[in-house]
PDB file of N, CA and C in Angstrom:
ATOM      1  N   MET A   1      95.599  61.689  53.990  1.00  0.00           N
ATOM      2  CA  MET A   1      95.931  60.317  54.307  1.00  0.00           C
ATOM      3  C   MET A   1      95.544  59.435  53.125  1.00  0.00           C
ATOM      4  N   ILE A   2      96.430  58.522  52.750  1.00  0.00           N
ATOM      5  CA  ILE A   2      96.186  57.620  51.640  1.00  0.00           C
ATOM      6  C   ILE A   2      95.434  56.403  52.156  1.00  0.00           C
ATOM      7  N   ALA A   3      94.349  56.058  51.503  1.00  0.00           N
ATOM      8  CA  ALA A   3      93.578  54.880  51.899  1.00  0.00           C
ATOM      9  C   ALA A   3      94.350  53.623  51.512  1.00  0.00           C
ATOM     10  N   ILE A   4      94.293  52.631  52.361  1.00  0.00           N
ATOM     11  CA  ILE A   4      94.959  51.365  52.096  1.00  0.00           C
ATOM     12  C   ILE A   4      93.929  50.395  51.543  1.00  0.00           C
ATOM     13  N   ALA A   5      94.181  49.898  50.344  1.00  0.00           N
ATOM     14  CA  ALA A   5      93.293  48.908  49.743  1.00  0.00           C
ATOM     15  C   ALA A   5      93.836  47.517  50.041  1.00  0.00           C
ATOM     16  N   ALA A   6      92.946  46.580  50.255  1.00  0.00           N
ATOM     17  CA  ALA A   6      93.350  45.210  50.547  1.00  0.00           C
ATOM     18  C   ALA A   6      94.212  44.630  49.427  1.00  0.00           C
ATOM     19  N   SER A   7      93.956  45.032  48.200  1.00  0.00           N
ATOM     20  CA  SER A   7      94.673  44.473  47.052  1.00  0.00           C
ATOM     21  C   SER A   7      96.124  44.930  46.955  1.00  0.00           C
ATOM     22  N   ASP A   8      96.473  46.048  47.582  1.00  0.00           N
ATOM     23  CA  ASP A   8      97.856  46.533  47.481  1.00  0.00           C
ATOM     24  C   ASP A   8      98.474  46.828  48.848  1.00  0.00           C
ATOM     25  N   LEU A   9      98.131  46.049  49.835  1.00  0.00           N
ATOM     26  CA  LEU A   9      98.654  46.251  51.188  1.00  0.00           C
ATOM     27  C   LEU A   9     100.176  46.185  51.233  1.00  0.00           C
ATOM     28  N   SER A  10     100.770  45.311  50.427  1.00  0.00           N
ATOM     29  CA  SER A  10     102.224  45.160  50.470  1.00  0.00           C
ATOM     30  C   SER A  10     102.963  46.415  50.014  1.00  0.00           C
ATOM     31  N   GLY A  11     102.280  47.346  49.372  1.00  0.00           N
ATOM     32  CA  GLY A  11     102.898  48.591  48.940  1.00  0.00           C
ATOM     33  C   GLY A  11     102.705  49.738  49.911  1.00  0.00           C
ATOM     34  N   HIS A  12     102.148  49.462  51.073  1.00  0.00           N
ATOM     35  CA  HIS A  12     101.871  50.506  52.051  1.00  0.00           C
ATOM     36  C   HIS A  12     102.671  50.312  53.336  1.00  0.00           C
ATOM     37  N   GLU A  13     102.700  51.329  54.140  1.00  0.00           N
ATOM     38  CA  GLU A  13     103.317  51.290  55.457  1.00  0.00           C
ATOM     39  C   GLU A  13     102.506  50.371  56.363  1.00  0.00           C
ATOM     40  N   LEU A  14     103.175  49.477  57.071  1.00  0.00           N
ATOM     41  CA  LEU A  14     102.497  48.527  57.949  1.00  0.00           C
ATOM     42  C   LEU A  14     102.483  48.975  59.404  1.00  0.00           C
ATOM     43  N   ILE A  15     103.381  49.894  59.764  1.00  0.00           N
ATOM     44  CA  ILE A  15     103.482  50.337  61.153  1.00  0.00           C
ATOM     45  C   ILE A  15     102.166  50.994  61.570  1.00  0.00           C
ATOM     46  N   GLY A  16     101.658  50.535  62.700  1.00  0.00           N
ATOM     47  CA  GLY A  16     100.406  51.059  63.226  1.00  0.00           C
ATOM     48  C   GLY A  16      99.206  50.168  62.959  1.00  0.00           C
ATOM     49  N   LEU A  17      99.362  49.188  62.075  1.00  0.00           N
ATOM     50  CA  LEU A  17      98.250  48.296  61.772  1.00  0.00           C
ATOM     51  C   LEU A  17      98.158  47.175  62.809  1.00  0.00           C
ATOM     52  N   GLY A  18      96.949  46.746  63.080  1.00  0.00           N
ATOM     53  CA  GLY A  18      96.748  45.565  63.911  1.00  0.00           C
ATOM     54  C   GLY A  18      97.134  44.333  63.106  1.00  0.00           C
ATOM     55  N   VAL A  19      97.741  43.341  63.759  1.00  0.00           N
ATOM     56  CA  VAL A  19      98.213  42.156  63.043  1.00  0.00           C
ATOM     57  C   VAL A  19      98.045  40.916  63.908  1.00  0.00           C
ATOM     58  N   LYS A  20      97.831  39.788  63.237  1.00  0.00           N
ATOM     59  CA  LYS A  20      97.741  38.498  63.923  1.00  0.00           C
ATOM     60  C   LYS A  20      98.431  37.455  63.058  1.00  0.00           C
ATOM     61  N   VAL A  21      99.202  36.562  63.689  1.00  0.00           N
ATOM     62  CA  VAL A  21      99.845  35.468  62.963  1.00  0.00           C
ATOM     63  C   VAL A  21      98.791  34.399  62.716  1.00  0.00           C
ATOM     64  N   MET A  22      98.494  34.149  61.439  1.00  0.00           N
ATOM     65  CA  MET A  22      97.466  33.172  61.063  1.00  0.00           C
ATOM     66  C   MET A  22      98.068  31.785  60.839  1.00  0.00           C
ATOM     67  N   ARG A  23      99.220  31.740  60.182  1.00  0.00           N
ATOM     68  CA  ARG A  23      99.943  30.484  59.938  1.00  0.00           C
ATOM     69  C   ARG A  23     101.424  30.764  60.079  1.00  0.00           C
ATOM     70  N   SER A  24     102.151  29.756  60.559  1.00  0.00           N
ATOM     71  CA  SER A  24     103.597  29.905  60.704  1.00  0.00           C
ATOM     72  C   SER A  24     104.251  28.537  60.711  1.00  0.00           C
ATOM     73  N   SER A  25     105.472  28.468  60.193  1.00  0.00           N
ATOM     74  CA  SER A  25     106.221  27.212  60.253  1.00  0.00           C
ATOM     75  C   SER A  25     106.690  26.946  61.685  1.00  0.00           C
ATOM     76  N   ASN A  26     106.702  27.989  62.527  1.00  0.00           N
ATOM     77  CA  ASN A  26     107.068  27.848  63.940  1.00  0.00           C
ATOM     78  C   ASN A  26     105.779  27.904  64.763  1.00  0.00           C
ATOM     79  N   ARG A  27     105.399  26.794  65.346  1.00  0.00           N
ATOM     80  CA  ARG A  27     104.126  26.727  66.063  1.00  0.00           C
ATOM     81  C   ARG A  27     104.062  27.679  67.253  1.00  0.00           C
ATOM     82  N   LEU A  28     105.210  28.121  67.775  1.00  0.00           N
ATOM     83  CA  LEU A  28     105.220  29.059  68.894  1.00  0.00           C
ATOM     84  C   LEU A  28     104.748  30.455  68.490  1.00  0.00           C
ATOM     85  N   HIS A  29     104.785  30.756  67.199  1.00  0.00           N
ATOM     86  CA  HIS A  29     104.342  32.064  66.707  1.00  0.00           C
ATOM     87  C   HIS A  29     102.844  32.125  66.443  1.00  0.00           C
ATOM     88  N   MET A  30     102.205  30.970  66.343  1.00  0.00           N
ATOM     89  CA  MET A  30     100.780  30.917  66.006  1.00  0.00           C
ATOM     90  C   MET A  30      99.934  31.714  67.003  1.00  0.00           C
ATOM     91  N   GLY A  31      99.060  32.564  66.469  1.00  0.00           N
ATOM     92  CA  GLY A  31      98.122  33.305  67.304  1.00  0.00           C
ATOM     93  C   GLY A  31      98.654  34.574  67.931  1.00  0.00           C
ATOM     94  N   ILE A  32      99.933  34.886  67.767  1.00  0.00           N
ATOM     95  CA  ILE A  32     100.463  36.142  68.312  1.00  0.00           C
ATOM     96  C   ILE A  32      99.756  37.295  67.613  1.00  0.00           C
ATOM     97  N   GLU A  33      99.315  38.262  68.398  1.00  0.00           N
ATOM     98  CA  GLU A  33      98.662  39.423  67.798  1.00  0.00           C
ATOM     99  C   GLU A  33      99.030  40.687  68.563  1.00  0.00           C
ATOM    100  N   GLY A  34      98.902  41.795  67.863  1.00  0.00           N
ATOM    101  CA  GLY A  34      99.229  43.094  68.445  1.00  0.00           C
ATOM    102  C   GLY A  34      99.243  44.164  67.377  1.00  0.00           C
ATOM    103  N   ILE A  35     100.115  45.144  67.567  1.00  0.00           N
ATOM    104  CA  ILE A  35     100.253  46.276  66.644  1.00  0.00           C
ATOM    105  C   ILE A  35     101.672  46.263  66.078  1.00  0.00           C
ATOM    106  N   VAL A  36     101.797  46.470  64.771  1.00  0.00           N
ATOM    107  CA  VAL A  36     103.122  46.560  64.149  1.00  0.00           C
ATOM    108  C   VAL A  36     103.769  47.863  64.600  1.00  0.00           C
ATOM    109  N   VAL A  37     104.939  47.774  65.250  1.00  0.00           N
ATOM    110  CA  VAL A  37     105.627  48.969  65.730  1.00  0.00           C
ATOM    111  C   VAL A  37     106.929  49.244  64.981  1.00  0.00           C
ATOM    112  N   ASP A  38     107.432  48.256  64.263  1.00  0.00           N
ATOM    113  CA  ASP A  38     108.649  48.450  63.478  1.00  0.00           C
ATOM    114  C   ASP A  38     108.715  47.347  62.433  1.00  0.00           C
ATOM    115  N   GLU A  39     109.577  47.572  61.438  1.00  0.00           N
ATOM    116  CA  GLU A  39     109.701  46.615  60.357  1.00  0.00           C
ATOM    117  C   GLU A  39     111.096  46.702  59.773  1.00  0.00           C
ATOM    118  N   THR A  40     111.679  45.554  59.462  1.00  0.00           N
ATOM    119  CA  THR A  40     112.948  45.492  58.750  1.00  0.00           C
ATOM    120  C   THR A  40     112.720  44.688  57.481  1.00  0.00           C
ATOM    121  N   LYS A  41     113.788  44.434  56.750  1.00  0.00           N
ATOM    122  CA  LYS A  41     113.672  43.676  55.507  1.00  0.00           C
ATOM    123  C   LYS A  41     113.044  42.306  55.741  1.00  0.00           C
ATOM    124  N   ASN A  42     113.421  41.642  56.826  1.00  0.00           N
ATOM    125  CA  ASN A  42     112.998  40.267  57.058  1.00  0.00           C
ATOM    126  C   ASN A  42     112.110  40.062  58.273  1.00  0.00           C
ATOM    127  N   MET A  43     111.815  41.111  59.033  1.00  0.00           N
ATOM    128  CA  MET A  43     111.074  40.950  60.273  1.00  0.00           C
ATOM    129  C   MET A  43     110.016  42.016  60.485  1.00  0.00           C
ATOM    130  N   LEU A  44     108.990  41.631  61.252  1.00  0.00           N
ATOM    131  CA  LEU A  44     108.020  42.579  61.786  1.00  0.00           C
ATOM    132  C   LEU A  44     108.210  42.597  63.294  1.00  0.00           C
ATOM    133  N   VAL A  45     108.161  43.777  63.884  1.00  0.00           N
ATOM    134  CA  VAL A  45     108.197  43.906  65.340  1.00  0.00           C
ATOM    135  C   VAL A  45     106.779  44.248  65.771  1.00  0.00           C
ATOM    136  N   ILE A  46     106.229  43.382  66.622  1.00  0.00           N
ATOM    137  CA  ILE A  46     104.837  43.505  67.035  1.00  0.00           C
ATOM    138  C   ILE A  46     104.768  43.748  68.530  1.00  0.00           C
ATOM    139  N   ALA A  47     104.073  44.825  68.925  1.00  0.00           N
ATOM    140  CA  ALA A  47     103.824  45.086  70.349  1.00  0.00           C
ATOM    141  C   ALA A  47     102.632  44.232  70.744  1.00  0.00           C
ATOM    142  N   SER A  48     102.884  43.289  71.637  1.00  0.00           N
ATOM    143  CA  SER A  48     101.849  42.370  72.095  1.00  0.00           C
ATOM    144  C   SER A  48     101.807  42.462  73.613  1.00  0.00           C
ATOM    145  N   GLY A  49     100.816  43.182  74.121  1.00  0.00           N
ATOM    146  CA  GLY A  49     100.781  43.437  75.562  1.00  0.00           C
ATOM    147  C   GLY A  49     101.928  44.345  75.934  1.00  0.00           C
ATOM    148  N   SER A  50     102.726  43.955  76.917  1.00  0.00           N
ATOM    149  CA  SER A  50     103.867  44.775  77.337  1.00  0.00           C
ATOM    150  C   SER A  50     105.166  44.304  76.678  1.00  0.00           C
ATOM    151  N   GLU A  51     105.071  43.337  75.754  1.00  0.00           N
ATOM    152  CA  GLU A  51     106.258  42.799  75.099  1.00  0.00           C
ATOM    153  C   GLU A  51     106.315  43.210  73.637  1.00  0.00           C
ATOM    154  N   LYS A  52     107.535  43.175  73.098  1.00  0.00           N
ATOM    155  CA  LYS A  52     107.733  43.347  71.660  1.00  0.00           C
ATOM    156  C   LYS A  52     108.244  42.024  71.118  1.00  0.00           C
ATOM    157  N   LYS A  53     107.551  41.521  70.121  1.00  0.00           N
ATOM    158  CA  LYS A  53     107.914  40.249  69.500  1.00  0.00           C
ATOM    159  C   LYS A  53     108.519  40.533  68.132  1.00  0.00           C
ATOM    160  N   HIS A  54     109.648  39.910  67.849  1.00  0.00           N
ATOM    161  CA  HIS A  54     110.306  40.022  66.550  1.00  0.00           C
ATOM    162  C   HIS A  54     109.981  38.753  65.765  1.00  0.00           C
ATOM    163  N   LEU A  55     109.180  38.912  64.718  1.00  0.00           N
ATOM    164  CA  LEU A  55     108.719  37.758  63.951  1.00  0.00           C
ATOM    165  C   LEU A  55     109.209  37.849  62.512  1.00  0.00           C
ATOM    166  N   PRO A  56     109.618  36.708  61.948  1.00  0.00           N
ATOM    167  CA  PRO A  56     110.075  36.715  60.558  1.00  0.00           C
ATOM    168  C   PRO A  56     108.914  36.922  59.593  1.00  0.00           C
ATOM    169  N   LYS A  57     109.219  37.465  58.431  1.00  0.00           N
ATOM    170  CA  LYS A  57     108.199  37.606  57.393  1.00  0.00           C
ATOM    171  C   LYS A  57     108.073  36.309  56.598  1.00  0.00           C
ATOM    172  N   ASP A  58     109.197  35.621  56.416  1.00  0.00           N
ATOM    173  CA  ASP A  58     109.232  34.400  55.632  1.00  0.00           C
ATOM    174  C   ASP A  58     108.528  33.257  56.367  1.00  0.00           C
ATOM    175  N   ASN A  59     107.797  32.439  55.653  1.00  0.00           N
ATOM    176  CA  ASN A  59     107.101  31.267  56.190  1.00  0.00           C
ATOM    177  C   ASN A  59     106.018  31.609  57.205  1.00  0.00           C
ATOM    178  N   VAL A  60     105.442  32.798  57.103  1.00  0.00           N
ATOM    179  CA  VAL A  60     104.369  33.215  58.003  1.00  0.00           C
ATOM    180  C   VAL A  60     103.266  33.871  57.173  1.00  0.00           C
ATOM    181  N   THR A  61     102.018  33.589  57.537  1.00  0.00           N
ATOM    182  CA  THR A  61     100.882  34.294  56.943  1.00  0.00           C
ATOM    183  C   THR A  61     100.302  35.196  58.026  1.00  0.00           C
ATOM    184  N   TYR A  62     100.231  36.484  57.723  1.00  0.00           N
ATOM    185  CA  TYR A  62      99.742  37.480  58.678  1.00  0.00           C
ATOM    186  C   TYR A  62      98.341  37.929  58.298  1.00  0.00           C
ATOM    187  N   GLY A  63      97.547  38.243  59.292  1.00  0.00           N
ATOM    188  CA  GLY A  63      96.260  38.876  59.083  1.00  0.00           C
ATOM    189  C   GLY A  63      96.348  40.302  59.594  1.00  0.00           C
ATOM    190  N   PHE A  64      96.110  41.277  58.737  1.00  0.00           N
ATOM    191  CA  PHE A  64      96.193  42.694  59.103  1.00  0.00           C
ATOM    192  C   PHE A  64      94.798  43.290  59.178  1.00  0.00           C
ATOM    193  N   THR A  65      94.579  44.158  60.158  1.00  0.00           N
ATOM    194  CA  THR A  65      93.332  44.907  60.259  1.00  0.00           C
ATOM    195  C   THR A  65      93.611  46.313  59.746  1.00  0.00           C
ATOM    196  N   LEU A  66      92.959  46.663  58.647  1.00  0.00           N
ATOM    197  CA  LEU A  66      93.158  47.974  58.024  1.00  0.00           C
ATOM    198  C   LEU A  66      92.392  49.041  58.796  1.00  0.00           C
ATOM    199  N   PRO A  67      92.727  50.322  58.596  1.00  0.00           N
ATOM    200  CA  PRO A  67      92.046  51.401  59.317  1.00  0.00           C
ATOM    201  C   PRO A  67      90.528  51.413  59.153  1.00  0.00           C
ATOM    202  N   ASP A  68      90.025  50.922  58.013  1.00  0.00           N
ATOM    203  CA  ASP A  68      88.572  50.892  57.813  1.00  0.00           C
ATOM    204  C   ASP A  68      87.915  49.653  58.417  1.00  0.00           C
ATOM    205  N   GLY A  69      88.717  48.800  59.097  1.00  0.00           N
ATOM    206  CA  GLY A  69      88.185  47.611  59.751  1.00  0.00           C
ATOM    207  C   GLY A  69      88.267  46.346  58.922  1.00  0.00           C
ATOM    208  N   THR A  70      88.690  46.452  57.670  1.00  0.00           N
ATOM    209  CA  THR A  70      88.828  45.288  56.803  1.00  0.00           C
ATOM    210  C   THR A  70      89.963  44.404  57.299  1.00  0.00           C
ATOM    211  N   PHE A  71      89.750  43.095  57.272  1.00  0.00           N
ATOM    212  CA  PHE A  71      90.770  42.131  57.677  1.00  0.00           C
ATOM    213  C   PHE A  71      91.341  41.491  56.420  1.00  0.00           C
ATOM    214  N   VAL A  72      92.674  41.538  56.266  1.00  0.00           N
ATOM    215  CA  VAL A  72      93.342  41.050  55.068  1.00  0.00           C
ATOM    216  C   VAL A  72      94.445  40.075  55.460  1.00  0.00           C
ATOM    217  N   MET A  73      94.457  38.905  54.807  1.00  0.00           N
ATOM    218  CA  MET A  73      95.540  37.956  55.029  1.00  0.00           C
ATOM    219  C   MET A  73      96.593  38.131  53.942  1.00  0.00           C
ATOM    220  N   VAL A  74      97.874  38.158  54.374  1.00  0.00           N
ATOM    221  CA  VAL A  74      98.985  38.375  53.450  1.00  0.00           C
ATOM    222  C   VAL A  74     100.079  37.370  53.755  1.00  0.00           C
ATOM    223  N   ASP A  75     100.594  36.732  52.709  1.00  0.00           N
ATOM    224  CA  ASP A  75     101.737  35.851  52.855  1.00  0.00           C
ATOM    225  C   ASP A  75     102.955  36.734  53.122  1.00  0.00           C
ATOM    226  N   GLY A  76     103.682  36.446  54.192  1.00  0.00           N
ATOM    227  CA  GLY A  76     104.826  37.265  54.571  1.00  0.00           C
ATOM    228  C   GLY A  76     105.879  37.384  53.495  1.00  0.00           C
ATOM    229  N   GLU A  77     105.958  36.406  52.587  1.00  0.00           N
ATOM    230  CA  GLU A  77     106.941  36.475  51.507  1.00  0.00           C
ATOM    231  C   GLU A  77     106.672  37.660  50.585  1.00  0.00           C
ATOM    232  N   GLN A  78     105.427  38.116  50.513  1.00  0.00           N
ATOM    233  CA  GLN A  78     105.104  39.295  49.704  1.00  0.00           C
ATOM    234  C   GLN A  78     105.636  40.570  50.340  1.00  0.00           C
ATOM    235  N   LEU A  79     105.988  40.495  51.610  1.00  0.00           N
ATOM    236  CA  LEU A  79     106.464  41.673  52.341  1.00  0.00           C
ATOM    237  C   LEU A  79     107.981  41.712  52.445  1.00  0.00           C
ATOM    238  N   LEU A  80     108.659  40.670  51.935  1.00  0.00           N
ATOM    239  CA  LEU A  80     110.113  40.606  52.038  1.00  0.00           C
ATOM    240  C   LEU A  80     110.768  41.682  51.192  1.00  0.00           C
ATOM    241  N   ASP A  81     111.227  42.703  51.814  1.00  0.00           N
ATOM    242  CA  ASP A  81     111.957  43.798  51.189  1.00  0.00           C
ATOM    243  C   ASP A  81     112.130  44.865  52.259  1.00  0.00           C
ATOM    244  N   ARG A  82     113.076  45.750  52.043  1.00  0.00           N
ATOM    245  CA  ARG A  82     113.187  46.867  52.973  1.00  0.00           C
ATOM    246  C   ARG A  82     111.929  47.706  52.829  1.00  0.00           C
ATOM    247  N   PRO A  83     111.362  48.165  53.951  1.00  0.00           N
ATOM    248  CA  PRO A  83     110.116  48.933  53.867  1.00  0.00           C
ATOM    249  C   PRO A  83     110.193  50.116  52.907  1.00  0.00           C
ATOM    250  N   VAL A  84     111.301  50.827  52.917  1.00  0.00           N
ATOM    251  CA  VAL A  84     111.426  52.002  52.048  1.00  0.00           C
ATOM    252  C   VAL A  84     111.420  51.587  50.581  1.00  0.00           C
ATOM    253  N   ASP A  85     111.986  50.435  50.266  1.00  0.00           N
ATOM    254  CA  ASP A  85     111.983  49.951  48.882  1.00  0.00           C
ATOM    255  C   ASP A  85     110.614  49.415  48.490  1.00  0.00           C
ATOM    256  N   ARG A  86     109.981  48.692  49.386  1.00  0.00           N
ATOM    257  CA  ARG A  86     108.680  48.086  49.093  1.00  0.00           C
ATOM    258  C   ARG A  86     107.606  49.153  48.893  1.00  0.00           C
ATOM    259  N   THR A  87     107.574  50.156  49.743  1.00  0.00           N
ATOM    260  CA  THR A  87     106.547  51.192  49.629  1.00  0.00           C
ATOM    261  C   THR A  87     106.861  52.179  48.517  1.00  0.00           C
ATOM    262  N   GLY A  88     108.122  52.343  48.170  1.00  0.00           N
ATOM    263  CA  GLY A  88     108.510  53.295  47.140  1.00  0.00           C
ATOM    264  C   GLY A  88     108.354  52.783  45.730  1.00  0.00           C
ATOM    265  N   LYS A  89     108.082  51.499  45.552  1.00  0.00           N
ATOM    266  CA  LYS A  89     107.975  50.926  44.218  1.00  0.00           C
ATOM    267  C   LYS A  89     106.808  51.474  43.414  1.00  0.00           C
ATOM    268  N   ARG A  90     105.837  52.033  44.087  1.00  0.00           N
ATOM    269  CA  ARG A  90     104.678  52.534  43.355  1.00  0.00           C
ATOM    270  C   ARG A  90     104.892  53.950  42.822  1.00  0.00           C
ATOM    271  N   PHE A  91     106.001  54.587  43.166  1.00  0.00           N
ATOM    272  CA  PHE A  91     106.278  55.937  42.715  1.00  0.00           C
ATOM    273  C   PHE A  91     107.356  55.934  41.644  1.00  0.00           C
ATOM    274  N   VAL A  92     107.218  56.785  40.662  1.00  0.00           N
ATOM    275  CA  VAL A  92     108.218  56.933  39.620  1.00  0.00           C
ATOM    276  C   VAL A  92     109.058  58.158  39.950  1.00  0.00           C
ATOM    277  N   ARG A  93     110.375  57.984  39.982  1.00  0.00           N
ATOM    278  CA  ARG A  93     111.265  59.093  40.284  1.00  0.00           C
ATOM    279  C   ARG A  93     111.651  59.782  38.983  1.00  0.00           C
ATOM    280  N   ARG A  94     111.531  61.084  38.964  1.00  0.00           N
ATOM    281  CA  ARG A  94     111.856  61.850  37.771  1.00  0.00           C
ATOM    282  C   ARG A  94     113.065  62.729  38.038  1.00  0.00           C
ATOM    283  N   ARG A  95     113.894  62.843  37.042  1.00  0.00           N
ATOM    284  CA  ARG A  95     115.064  63.718  37.155  1.00  0.00           C
ATOM    285  C   ARG A  95     114.664  65.134  36.780  1.00  0.00           C
ATOM    286  N   LEU A  96     115.226  66.078  37.487  1.00  0.00           N
ATOM    287  CA  LEU A  96     114.946  67.494  37.185  1.00  0.00           C
ATOM    288  C   LEU A  96     116.055  68.108  36.403  1.00  0.00           C
TER     289      LEU A  96
END
């Protein structure tokens, strides 16, 4: 298992992490918390109780709880990208 460092959270998989909306341009999103269950280019899907909330990444600041218990705040604009592209940027592809 790869350890997630607070400094490079945007390069890691977010599914399974605890999350809380810290700031949002939409006041109805403030304080929503749960577990990230899915992610698209522009949205996070958060399981909150028995509901799934679809929240935009843009104009939102999220607080993530890492597996080691560290709490990290991330501007959602840093997460704007398809998950496969965002997490794959740290790897160099070589031709055989």
